[in-house]
PDB file of all heavy atoms in Angstrom:
ATOM      1  N   GLY A   1       0.257  16.519   2.116  1.00  0.00           N
ATOM      2  CA  GLY A   1      -1.084  16.925   1.890  1.00  0.00           C
ATOM      3  C   GLY A   1      -1.675  16.474   0.576  1.00  0.00           C
ATOM      4  O   GLY A   1      -2.932  16.335   0.500  1.00  0.00           O
ATOM      5  N   ASP A   2      -0.803  16.097  -0.382  1.00  0.00           N
ATOM      6  CA  ASP A   2      -1.280  15.507  -1.726  1.00  0.00           C
ATOM      7  C   ASP A   2      -1.877  14.010  -1.375  1.00  0.00           C
ATOM      8  O   ASP A   2      -1.433  13.364  -0.582  1.00  0.00           O
ATOM      9  CB  ASP A   2      -0.082  15.304  -2.660  1.00  0.00           C
ATOM     10  CG  ASP A   2       0.422  16.571  -3.272  1.00  0.00           C
ATOM     11  OD1 ASP A   2      -0.174  17.624  -3.067  1.00  0.00           O
ATOM     12  OD2 ASP A   2       1.427  16.487  -4.021  1.00  0.00           O
ATOM     13  N   THR A   3      -2.908  13.827  -2.265  1.00  0.00           N
ATOM     14  CA  THR A   3      -3.607  12.514  -2.208  1.00  0.00           C
ATOM     15  C   THR A   3      -2.646  11.547  -3.014  1.00  0.00           C
ATOM     16  O   THR A   3      -2.156  11.915  -4.095  1.00  0.00           O
ATOM     17  CB  THR A   3      -4.922  12.408  -2.887  1.00  0.00           C
ATOM     18  OG1 THR A   3      -5.781  13.413  -2.172  1.00  0.00           O
ATOM     19  CG2 THR A   3      -5.533  11.081  -2.945  1.00  0.00           C
ATOM     20  N   VAL A   4      -2.308  10.319  -2.414  1.00  0.00           N
ATOM     21  CA  VAL A   4      -1.507   9.424  -2.933  1.00  0.00           C
ATOM     22  C   VAL A   4      -2.267   8.362  -3.683  1.00  0.00           C
ATOM     23  O   VAL A   4      -3.340   7.825  -3.200  1.00  0.00           O
ATOM     24  CB  VAL A   4      -0.684   8.746  -1.849  1.00  0.00           C
ATOM     25  CG1 VAL A   4       0.174   7.547  -2.457  1.00  0.00           C
ATOM     26  CG2 VAL A   4       0.232   9.764  -1.176  1.00  0.00           C
ATOM     27  N   GLY A   5      -1.965   8.294  -5.104  1.00  0.00           N
ATOM     28  CA  GLY A   5      -2.729   7.239  -5.872  1.00  0.00           C
ATOM     29  C   GLY A   5      -2.645   5.940  -5.389  1.00  0.00           C
ATOM     30  O   GLY A   5      -1.645   5.428  -4.729  1.00  0.00           O
ATOM     31  N   ASP A   6      -3.461   4.982  -5.961  1.00  0.00           N
ATOM     32  CA  ASP A   6      -3.519   3.672  -5.610  1.00  0.00           C
ATOM     33  C   ASP A   6      -2.395   2.929  -6.488  1.00  0.00           C
ATOM     34  O   ASP A   6      -1.955   3.421  -7.524  1.00  0.00           O
ATOM     35  CB  ASP A   6      -4.887   2.958  -6.004  1.00  0.00           C
ATOM     36  CG  ASP A   6      -4.972   1.595  -5.444  1.00  0.00           C
ATOM     37  OD1 ASP A   6      -4.359   1.232  -4.396  1.00  0.00           O
ATOM     38  OD2 ASP A   6      -5.907   0.907  -5.941  1.00  0.00           O
ATOM     39  N   PHE A   7      -1.916   1.783  -5.958  1.00  0.00           N
ATOM     40  CA  PHE A   7      -1.019   0.883  -6.657  1.00  0.00           C
ATOM     41  C   PHE A   7      -1.097  -0.487  -6.091  1.00  0.00           C
ATOM     42  O   PHE A   7      -1.539  -0.700  -5.085  1.00  0.00           O
ATOM     43  CB  PHE A   7       0.398   1.418  -6.686  1.00  0.00           C
ATOM     44  CG  PHE A   7       1.102   1.449  -5.215  1.00  0.00           C
ATOM     45  CD1 PHE A   7       1.625   0.338  -4.657  1.00  0.00           C
ATOM     46  CD2 PHE A   7       1.027   2.637  -4.548  1.00  0.00           C
ATOM     47  CE1 PHE A   7       2.213   0.345  -3.414  1.00  0.00           C
ATOM     48  CE2 PHE A   7       1.575   2.684  -3.171  1.00  0.00           C
ATOM     49  CZ  PHE A   7       2.143   1.493  -2.673  1.00  0.00           C
ATOM     50  N   ARG A   8      -0.604  -1.464  -6.828  1.00  0.00           N
ATOM     51  CA  ARG A   8      -0.595  -2.796  -6.500  1.00  0.00           C
ATOM     52  C   ARG A   8       0.794  -3.272  -6.773  1.00  0.00           C
ATOM     53  O   ARG A   8       1.392  -3.102  -7.893  1.00  0.00           O
ATOM     54  CB  ARG A   8      -1.575  -3.658  -7.381  1.00  0.00           C
ATOM     55  CG  ARG A   8      -3.006  -3.384  -7.093  1.00  0.00           C
ATOM     56  CD  ARG A   8      -3.822  -4.219  -8.086  1.00  0.00           C
ATOM     57  NE  ARG A   8      -5.224  -3.697  -8.291  1.00  0.00           N
ATOM     58  CZ  ARG A   8      -6.234  -4.230  -7.586  1.00  0.00           C
ATOM     59  NH1 ARG A   8      -6.037  -5.340  -6.959  1.00  0.00           N
ATOM     60  NH2 ARG A   8      -7.400  -3.643  -7.744  1.00  0.00           N
ATOM     61  N   LEU A   9       1.365  -4.131  -5.810  1.00  0.00           N
ATOM     62  CA  LEU A   9       2.583  -4.834  -5.996  1.00  0.00           C
ATOM     63  C   LEU A   9       2.607  -6.216  -5.417  1.00  0.00           C
ATOM     64  O   LEU A   9       2.059  -6.352  -4.502  1.00  0.00           O
ATOM     65  CB  LEU A   9       3.675  -3.953  -5.348  1.00  0.00           C
ATOM     66  CG  LEU A   9       4.066  -2.604  -5.957  1.00  0.00           C
ATOM     67  CD1 LEU A   9       4.992  -1.723  -5.052  1.00  0.00           C
ATOM     68  CD2 LEU A   9       4.651  -2.733  -7.426  1.00  0.00           C
ATOM     69  N   PRO A  10       3.356  -7.080  -6.100  1.00  0.00           N
ATOM     70  CA  PRO A  10       3.523  -8.361  -5.508  1.00  0.00           C
ATOM     71  C   PRO A  10       4.587  -8.364  -4.365  1.00  0.00           C
ATOM     72  O   PRO A  10       5.466  -7.480  -4.333  1.00  0.00           O
ATOM     73  CB  PRO A  10       4.087  -9.218  -6.559  1.00  0.00           C
ATOM     74  CG  PRO A  10       4.864  -8.239  -7.467  1.00  0.00           C
ATOM     75  CD  PRO A  10       4.056  -6.899  -7.339  1.00  0.00           C
ATOM     76  N   GLY A  11       4.349  -9.268  -3.458  1.00  0.00           N
ATOM     77  CA  GLY A  11       5.432  -9.362  -2.283  1.00  0.00           C
ATOM     78  C   GLY A  11       4.831 -10.151  -1.128  1.00  0.00           C
ATOM     79  O   GLY A  11       3.913 -10.954  -1.240  1.00  0.00           O
ATOM     80  N   GLY A  12       5.410  -9.847  -0.036  1.00  0.00           N
ATOM     81  CA  GLY A  12       4.878 -10.370   1.185  1.00  0.00           C
ATOM     82  C   GLY A  12       5.817 -11.580   1.598  1.00  0.00           C
ATOM     83  O   GLY A  12       6.968 -11.647   1.313  1.00  0.00           O
ATOM     84  N   HIS A  13       5.232 -12.508   2.417  1.00  0.00           N
ATOM     85  CA  HIS A  13       5.989 -13.680   2.905  1.00  0.00           C
ATOM     86  C   HIS A  13       5.737 -14.917   2.150  1.00  0.00           C
ATOM     87  O   HIS A  13       6.255 -15.946   2.349  1.00  0.00           O
ATOM     88  CB  HIS A  13       5.689 -13.744   4.424  1.00  0.00           C
ATOM     89  CG  HIS A  13       6.064 -12.566   5.156  1.00  0.00           C
ATOM     90  ND1 HIS A  13       7.365 -12.177   5.432  1.00  0.00           N
ATOM     91  CD2 HIS A  13       5.268 -11.575   5.805  1.00  0.00           C
ATOM     92  CE1 HIS A  13       7.389 -10.998   6.034  1.00  0.00           C
ATOM     93  NE2 HIS A  13       6.130 -10.657   6.333  1.00  0.00           N
ATOM     94  N   LEU A  14       4.677 -14.904   1.331  1.00  0.00           N
ATOM     95  CA  LEU A  14       4.350 -16.112   0.536  1.00  0.00           C
ATOM     96  C   LEU A  14       4.183 -15.605  -0.935  1.00  0.00           C
ATOM     97  O   LEU A  14       3.601 -14.545  -1.192  1.00  0.00           O
ATOM     98  CB  LEU A  14       2.958 -16.583   1.054  1.00  0.00           C
ATOM     99  CG  LEU A  14       2.944 -17.072   2.490  1.00  0.00           C
ATOM    100  CD1 LEU A  14       1.504 -17.308   2.801  1.00  0.00           C
ATOM    101  CD2 LEU A  14       3.765 -18.339   2.685  1.00  0.00           C
ATOM    102  N   HIS A  15       4.520 -16.496  -1.859  1.00  0.00           N
ATOM    103  CA  HIS A  15       4.316 -16.136  -3.282  1.00  0.00           C
ATOM    104  C   HIS A  15       2.807 -15.965  -3.515  1.00  0.00           C
ATOM    105  O   HIS A  15       2.041 -16.714  -2.876  1.00  0.00           O
ATOM    106  CB  HIS A  15       4.854 -17.311  -4.191  1.00  0.00           C
ATOM    107  CG  HIS A  15       6.352 -17.242  -4.405  1.00  0.00           C
ATOM    108  ND1 HIS A  15       6.812 -16.226  -5.193  1.00  0.00           N
ATOM    109  CD2 HIS A  15       7.256 -17.988  -4.067  1.00  0.00           C
ATOM    110  CE1 HIS A  15       8.128 -16.385  -5.283  1.00  0.00           C
ATOM    111  NE2 HIS A  15       8.452 -17.406  -4.602  1.00  0.00           N
ATOM    112  N   GLY A  16       2.539 -15.206  -4.524  1.00  0.00           N
ATOM    113  CA  GLY A  16       1.091 -15.021  -4.899  1.00  0.00           C
ATOM    114  C   GLY A  16       0.458 -13.856  -4.005  1.00  0.00           C
ATOM    115  O   GLY A  16      -0.726 -13.555  -4.459  1.00  0.00           O
ATOM    116  N   GLU A  17       0.922 -13.219  -3.126  1.00  0.00           N
ATOM    117  CA  GLU A  17       0.362 -12.178  -2.382  1.00  0.00           C
ATOM    118  C   GLU A  17       0.477 -10.932  -3.248  1.00  0.00           C
ATOM    119  O   GLU A  17       1.484 -10.688  -3.800  1.00  0.00           O
ATOM    120  CB  GLU A  17       0.913 -11.828  -1.082  1.00  0.00           C
ATOM    121  CG  GLU A  17       0.685 -12.977  -0.094  1.00  0.00           C
ATOM    122  CD  GLU A  17       1.224 -12.595   1.307  1.00  0.00           C
ATOM    123  OE1 GLU A  17       0.622 -11.750   2.064  1.00  0.00           O
ATOM    124  OE2 GLU A  17       2.413 -13.054   1.598  1.00  0.00           O
ATOM    125  N   THR A  18      -0.600 -10.026  -3.329  1.00  0.00           N
ATOM    126  CA  THR A  18      -0.497  -8.737  -3.855  1.00  0.00           C
ATOM    127  C   THR A  18      -1.042  -7.792  -2.866  1.00  0.00           C
ATOM    128  O   THR A  18      -1.976  -8.001  -2.193  1.00  0.00           O
ATOM    129  CB  THR A  18      -1.526  -8.757  -5.149  1.00  0.00           C
ATOM    130  OG1 THR A  18      -1.084  -9.780  -5.973  1.00  0.00           O
ATOM    131  CG2 THR A  18      -1.500  -7.379  -5.758  1.00  0.00           C
ATOM    132  N   PHE A  19      -0.286  -6.671  -2.815  1.00  0.00           N
ATOM    133  CA  PHE A  19      -0.557  -5.563  -1.957  1.00  0.00           C
ATOM    134  C   PHE A  19      -1.131  -4.492  -2.673  1.00  0.00           C
ATOM    135  O   PHE A  19      -0.523  -3.903  -3.537  1.00  0.00           O
ATOM    136  CB  PHE A  19       0.671  -5.427  -1.058  1.00  0.00           C
ATOM    137  CG  PHE A  19       0.947  -6.430  -0.056  1.00  0.00           C
ATOM    138  CD1 PHE A  19       1.723  -7.546  -0.572  1.00  0.00           C
ATOM    139  CD2 PHE A  19       0.727  -6.293   1.214  1.00  0.00           C
ATOM    140  CE1 PHE A  19       2.010  -8.666   0.300  1.00  0.00           C
ATOM    141  CE2 PHE A  19       1.115  -7.335   2.038  1.00  0.00           C
ATOM    142  CZ  PHE A  19       1.741  -8.517   1.538  1.00  0.00           C
ATOM    143  N   ARG A  20      -2.217  -3.904  -2.189  1.00  0.00           N
ATOM    144  CA  ARG A  20      -2.851  -2.707  -2.760  1.00  0.00           C
ATOM    145  C   ARG A  20      -2.885  -1.618  -1.767  1.00  0.00           C
ATOM    146  O   ARG A  20      -3.392  -1.789  -0.721  1.00  0.00           O
ATOM    147  CB  ARG A  20      -4.240  -3.080  -3.291  1.00  0.00           C
ATOM    148  CG  ARG A  20      -4.992  -1.955  -4.066  1.00  0.00           C
ATOM    149  CD  ARG A  20      -6.227  -2.467  -4.596  1.00  0.00           C
ATOM    150  NE  ARG A  20      -6.981  -1.257  -5.145  1.00  0.00           N
ATOM    151  CZ  ARG A  20      -8.188  -1.042  -4.948  1.00  0.00           C
ATOM    152  NH1 ARG A  20      -8.985  -1.856  -4.184  1.00  0.00           N
ATOM    153  NH2 ARG A  20      -8.707   0.086  -5.497  1.00  0.00           N
ATOM    154  N   ARG A  21      -2.399  -0.417  -2.180  1.00  0.00           N
ATOM    155  CA  ARG A  21      -2.236   0.689  -1.251  1.00  0.00           C
ATOM    156  C   ARG A  21      -3.737   1.037  -0.719  1.00  0.00           C
ATOM    157  O   ARG A  21      -3.918   1.308   0.410  1.00  0.00           O
ATOM    158  CB  ARG A  21      -1.640   1.858  -1.971  1.00  0.00           C
ATOM    159  CG  ARG A  21      -1.158   2.898  -1.059  1.00  0.00           C
ATOM    160  CD  ARG A  21      -1.941   4.185  -0.756  1.00  0.00           C
ATOM    161  NE  ARG A  21      -2.825   4.635  -1.870  1.00  0.00           N
ATOM    162  CZ  ARG A  21      -4.088   4.822  -1.779  1.00  0.00           C
ATOM    163  NH1 ARG A  21      -4.710   4.877  -0.519  1.00  0.00           N
ATOM    164  NH2 ARG A  21      -4.791   5.279  -2.791  1.00  0.00           N
ATOM    165  N   ALA A  22      -4.684   1.010  -1.564  1.00  0.00           N
ATOM    166  CA  ALA A  22      -6.107   1.478  -1.233  1.00  0.00           C
ATOM    167  C   ALA A  22      -6.630   0.530  -0.095  1.00  0.00           C
ATOM    168  O   ALA A  22      -7.647   0.981   0.550  1.00  0.00           O
ATOM    169  CB  ALA A  22      -6.970   1.649  -2.472  1.00  0.00           C
ATOM    170  N   ASP A  23      -6.180  -0.660  -0.101  1.00  0.00           N
ATOM    171  CA  ASP A  23      -6.736  -1.595   0.892  1.00  0.00           C
ATOM    172  C   ASP A  23      -6.321  -1.167   2.423  1.00  0.00           C
ATOM    173  O   ASP A  23      -6.887  -1.678   3.295  1.00  0.00           O
ATOM    174  CB  ASP A  23      -6.211  -3.047   0.680  1.00  0.00           C
ATOM    175  CG  ASP A  23      -6.862  -3.597  -0.499  1.00  0.00           C
ATOM    176  OD1 ASP A  23      -7.938  -3.108  -1.009  1.00  0.00           O
ATOM    177  OD2 ASP A  23      -6.355  -4.574  -1.011  1.00  0.00           O
ATOM    178  N   TYR A  24      -5.326  -0.302   2.501  1.00  0.00           N
ATOM    179  CA  TYR A  24      -4.837   0.165   3.799  1.00  0.00           C
ATOM    180  C   TYR A  24      -5.241   1.593   4.145  1.00  0.00           C
ATOM    181  O   TYR A  24      -5.459   1.912   5.393  1.00  0.00           O
ATOM    182  CB  TYR A  24      -3.326  -0.055   3.838  1.00  0.00           C
ATOM    183  CG  TYR A  24      -2.997  -1.479   3.924  1.00  0.00           C
ATOM    184  CD1 TYR A  24      -2.935  -2.282   2.753  1.00  0.00           C
ATOM    185  CD2 TYR A  24      -2.968  -2.261   5.142  1.00  0.00           C
ATOM    186  CE1 TYR A  24      -2.788  -3.650   2.747  1.00  0.00           C
ATOM    187  CE2 TYR A  24      -2.729  -3.596   5.092  1.00  0.00           C
ATOM    188  CZ  TYR A  24      -2.562  -4.263   3.934  1.00  0.00           C
ATOM    189  OH  TYR A  24      -2.394  -5.533   4.005  1.00  0.00           O
ATOM    190  N   THR A  25      -5.225   2.473   3.135  1.00  0.00           N
ATOM    191  CA  THR A  25      -5.778   3.820   3.442  1.00  0.00           C
ATOM    192  C   THR A  25      -6.841   4.089   2.464  1.00  0.00           C
ATOM    193  O   THR A  25      -6.630   4.248   1.271  1.00  0.00           O
ATOM    194  CB  THR A  25      -4.577   4.850   3.157  1.00  0.00           C
ATOM    195  OG1 THR A  25      -4.064   4.625   1.858  1.00  0.00           O
ATOM    196  CG2 THR A  25      -3.366   4.561   4.165  1.00  0.00           C
ATOM    197  N   LEU A  26      -8.040   3.995   2.992  1.00  0.00           N
ATOM    198  CA  LEU A  26      -9.177   4.005   2.049  1.00  0.00           C
ATOM    199  C   LEU A  26      -9.819   5.459   1.989  1.00  0.00           C
ATOM    200  O   LEU A  26     -10.249   5.961   2.929  1.00  0.00           O
ATOM    201  CB  LEU A  26     -10.228   3.123   2.619  1.00  0.00           C
ATOM    202  CG  LEU A  26      -9.801   1.588   2.693  1.00  0.00           C
ATOM    203  CD1 LEU A  26     -10.847   0.736   3.414  1.00  0.00           C
ATOM    204  CD2 LEU A  26      -9.454   1.009   1.391  1.00  0.00           C
ATOM    205  N   HIS A  27      -9.760   6.008   0.870  1.00  0.00           N
ATOM    206  CA  HIS A  27     -10.344   7.333   0.709  1.00  0.00           C
ATOM    207  C   HIS A  27     -11.843   7.336   0.983  1.00  0.00           C
ATOM    208  O   HIS A  27     -12.553   6.353   0.461  1.00  0.00           O
ATOM    209  CB  HIS A  27     -10.077   7.856  -0.754  1.00  0.00           C
ATOM    210  CG  HIS A  27     -10.413   9.295  -0.836  1.00  0.00           C
ATOM    211  ND1 HIS A  27      -9.609  10.362  -0.133  1.00  0.00           N
ATOM    212  CD2 HIS A  27     -11.182   9.961  -1.556  1.00  0.00           C
ATOM    213  CE1 HIS A  27     -10.165  11.465  -0.501  1.00  0.00           C
ATOM    214  NE2 HIS A  27     -11.117  11.402  -1.312  1.00  0.00           N
ATOM    215  N   GLY A  28     -12.345   8.240   1.780  1.00  0.00           N
ATOM    216  CA  GLY A  28     -13.704   8.149   2.028  1.00  0.00           C
ATOM    217  C   GLY A  28     -14.098   7.374   3.274  1.00  0.00           C
ATOM    218  O   GLY A  28     -15.168   7.512   3.761  1.00  0.00           O
ATOM    219  N   GLU A  29     -13.221   6.538   3.773  1.00  0.00           N
ATOM    220  CA  GLU A  29     -13.383   5.727   4.981  1.00  0.00           C
ATOM    221  C   GLU A  29     -12.102   5.944   5.784  1.00  0.00           C
ATOM    222  O   GLU A  29     -11.078   6.296   5.321  1.00  0.00           O
ATOM    223  CB  GLU A  29     -13.633   4.290   4.658  1.00  0.00           C
ATOM    224  CG  GLU A  29     -14.865   3.978   3.889  1.00  0.00           C
ATOM    225  CD  GLU A  29     -14.972   2.505   3.592  1.00  0.00           C
ATOM    226  OE1 GLU A  29     -14.542   1.707   4.336  1.00  0.00           O
ATOM    227  OE2 GLU A  29     -15.563   2.104   2.502  1.00  0.00           O
ATOM    228  N   ARG A  30     -12.320   5.740   7.141  1.00  0.00           N
ATOM    229  CA  ARG A  30     -10.981   5.817   8.020  1.00  0.00           C
ATOM    230  C   ARG A  30     -10.301   4.526   7.821  1.00  0.00           C
ATOM    231  O   ARG A  30     -10.722   3.440   8.139  1.00  0.00           O
ATOM    232  CB  ARG A  30     -11.448   6.028   9.419  1.00  0.00           C
ATOM    233  CG  ARG A  30     -12.032   7.355   9.743  1.00  0.00           C
ATOM    234  CD  ARG A  30     -11.104   8.493   9.354  1.00  0.00           C
ATOM    235  NE  ARG A  30     -10.044   8.584  10.296  1.00  0.00           N
ATOM    236  CZ  ARG A  30      -9.014   9.380  10.272  1.00  0.00           C
ATOM    237  NH1 ARG A  30      -8.943  10.263   9.337  1.00  0.00           N
ATOM    238  NH2 ARG A  30      -8.120   9.442  11.169  1.00  0.00           N
ATOM    239  N   GLY A  31      -9.061   4.581   7.241  1.00  0.00           N
ATOM    240  CA  GLY A  31      -8.244   3.356   7.037  1.00  0.00           C
ATOM    241  C   GLY A  31      -7.111   3.395   8.163  1.00  0.00           C
ATOM    242  O   GLY A  31      -7.112   4.104   9.186  1.00  0.00           O
ATOM    243  N   ARG A  32      -5.900   2.878   7.844  1.00  0.00           N
ATOM    244  CA  ARG A  32      -4.893   2.876   8.654  1.00  0.00           C
ATOM    245  C   ARG A  32      -3.764   3.614   7.986  1.00  0.00           C
ATOM    246  O   ARG A  32      -3.629   3.513   6.813  1.00  0.00           O
ATOM    247  CB  ARG A  32      -4.367   1.365   8.789  1.00  0.00           C
ATOM    248  CG  ARG A  32      -5.341   0.627   9.683  1.00  0.00           C
ATOM    249  CD  ARG A  32      -4.796  -0.789   9.823  1.00  0.00           C
ATOM    250  NE  ARG A  32      -5.030  -1.478   8.425  1.00  0.00           N
ATOM    251  CZ  ARG A  32      -4.831  -2.706   8.194  1.00  0.00           C
ATOM    252  NH1 ARG A  32      -4.567  -3.472   9.209  1.00  0.00           N
ATOM    253  NH2 ARG A  32      -5.100  -3.283   7.052  1.00  0.00           N
ATOM    254  N   PRO A  33      -2.850   4.258   8.751  1.00  0.00           N
ATOM    255  CA  PRO A  33      -1.673   4.939   8.071  1.00  0.00           C
ATOM    256  C   PRO A  33      -0.799   3.857   7.560  1.00  0.00           C
ATOM    257  O   PRO A  33      -0.641   2.720   7.969  1.00  0.00           O
ATOM    258  CB  PRO A  33      -0.882   5.594   9.271  1.00  0.00           C
ATOM    259  CG  PRO A  33      -1.969   5.622  10.402  1.00  0.00           C
ATOM    260  CD  PRO A  33      -2.931   4.587  10.190  1.00  0.00           C
ATOM    261  N   LEU A  34      -0.177   4.162   6.493  1.00  0.00           N
ATOM    262  CA  LEU A  34       0.776   3.232   5.735  1.00  0.00           C
ATOM    263  C   LEU A  34       2.178   3.825   5.647  1.00  0.00           C
ATOM    264  O   LEU A  34       2.284   5.058   5.166  1.00  0.00           O
ATOM    265  CB  LEU A  34       0.155   3.045   4.390  1.00  0.00           C
ATOM    266  CG  LEU A  34       0.865   2.021   3.442  1.00  0.00           C
ATOM    267  CD1 LEU A  34       0.968   0.644   4.143  1.00  0.00           C
ATOM    268  CD2 LEU A  34       0.137   1.928   2.199  1.00  0.00           C
ATOM    269  N   VAL A  35       3.215   3.127   6.181  1.00  0.00           N
ATOM    270  CA  VAL A  35       4.587   3.652   6.028  1.00  0.00           C
ATOM    271  C   VAL A  35       5.113   2.848   4.813  1.00  0.00           C
ATOM    272  O   VAL A  35       5.094   1.554   4.823  1.00  0.00           O
ATOM    273  CB  VAL A  35       5.424   3.240   7.374  1.00  0.00           C
ATOM    274  CG1 VAL A  35       6.785   3.625   7.142  1.00  0.00           C
ATOM    275  CG2 VAL A  35       4.768   4.041   8.552  1.00  0.00           C
ATOM    276  N   LEU A  36       5.543   3.523   3.822  1.00  0.00           N
ATOM    277  CA  LEU A  36       6.297   3.033   2.689  1.00  0.00           C
ATOM    278  C   LEU A  36       7.795   3.279   2.757  1.00  0.00           C
ATOM    279  O   LEU A  36       8.107   4.435   2.695  1.00  0.00           O
ATOM    280  CB  LEU A  36       5.701   3.625   1.406  1.00  0.00           C
ATOM    281  CG  LEU A  36       4.239   3.477   1.066  1.00  0.00           C
ATOM    282  CD1 LEU A  36       3.795   4.195  -0.168  1.00  0.00           C
ATOM    283  CD2 LEU A  36       3.793   2.031   1.121  1.00  0.00           C
ATOM    284  N   ALA A  37       8.604   2.200   2.889  1.00  0.00           N
ATOM    285  CA  ALA A  37      10.101   2.448   3.020  1.00  0.00           C
ATOM    286  C   ALA A  37      10.578   1.954   1.714  1.00  0.00           C
ATOM    287  O   ALA A  37      10.891   0.679   1.475  1.00  0.00           O
ATOM    288  CB  ALA A  37      10.597   1.630   4.246  1.00  0.00           C
ATOM    289  N   PHE A  38      11.015   2.852   0.866  1.00  0.00           N
ATOM    290  CA  PHE A  38      11.699   2.455  -0.405  1.00  0.00           C
ATOM    291  C   PHE A  38      13.115   2.368  -0.174  1.00  0.00           C
ATOM    292  O   PHE A  38      13.870   3.184   0.480  1.00  0.00           O
ATOM    293  CB  PHE A  38      11.424   3.617  -1.491  1.00  0.00           C
ATOM    294  CG  PHE A  38       9.989   3.559  -2.026  1.00  0.00           C
ATOM    295  CD1 PHE A  38       9.078   4.443  -1.354  1.00  0.00           C
ATOM    296  CD2 PHE A  38       9.661   2.914  -3.170  1.00  0.00           C
ATOM    297  CE1 PHE A  38       7.838   4.537  -1.900  1.00  0.00           C
ATOM    298  CE2 PHE A  38       8.382   3.024  -3.715  1.00  0.00           C
ATOM    299  CZ  PHE A  38       7.496   3.833  -3.097  1.00  0.00           C
ATOM    300  N   TYR A  39      13.751   1.311  -0.607  1.00  0.00           N
ATOM    301  CA  TYR A  39      15.079   0.984  -0.507  1.00  0.00           C
ATOM    302  C   TYR A  39      15.812   0.399  -1.706  1.00  0.00           C
ATOM    303  O   TYR A  39      15.161  -0.241  -2.455  1.00  0.00           O
ATOM    304  CB  TYR A  39      15.387   0.148   0.717  1.00  0.00           C
ATOM    305  CG  TYR A  39      14.855  -1.391   0.576  1.00  0.00           C
ATOM    306  CD1 TYR A  39      15.751  -2.383   0.266  1.00  0.00           C
ATOM    307  CD2 TYR A  39      13.550  -1.571   0.774  1.00  0.00           C
ATOM    308  CE1 TYR A  39      15.334  -3.716   0.081  1.00  0.00           C
ATOM    309  CE2 TYR A  39      13.089  -2.860   0.589  1.00  0.00           C
ATOM    310  CZ  TYR A  39      13.903  -3.951   0.220  1.00  0.00           C
ATOM    311  OH  TYR A  39      13.420  -5.092   0.143  1.00  0.00           O
ATOM    312  N   PRO A  40      17.122   0.688  -2.048  1.00  0.00           N
ATOM    313  CA  PRO A  40      17.749   0.384  -3.215  1.00  0.00           C
ATOM    314  C   PRO A  40      17.881  -1.160  -3.361  1.00  0.00           C
ATOM    315  O   PRO A  40      17.686  -1.608  -4.485  1.00  0.00           O
ATOM    316  CB  PRO A  40      19.041   1.134  -3.276  1.00  0.00           C
ATOM    317  CG  PRO A  40      18.715   2.282  -2.333  1.00  0.00           C
ATOM    318  CD  PRO A  40      17.870   1.771  -1.341  1.00  0.00           C
ATOM    319  N   GLY A  41      18.169  -1.879  -2.400  1.00  0.00           N
ATOM    320  CA  GLY A  41      18.526  -3.252  -2.632  1.00  0.00           C
ATOM    321  C   GLY A  41      18.561  -4.255  -1.459  1.00  0.00           C
ATOM    322  O   GLY A  41      19.011  -3.820  -0.359  1.00  0.00           O
TER     323      GLY A  41
END
């Protein structure tokens, strides 16, 4: 139920991509659910 803060991280399938959490789940607008799978290595 907690609101998850925004963040930006580099990654993807091409160099230079930046992924921003707020671009997928937009507070105040209906966005998309986001699954974050953290893994050690």
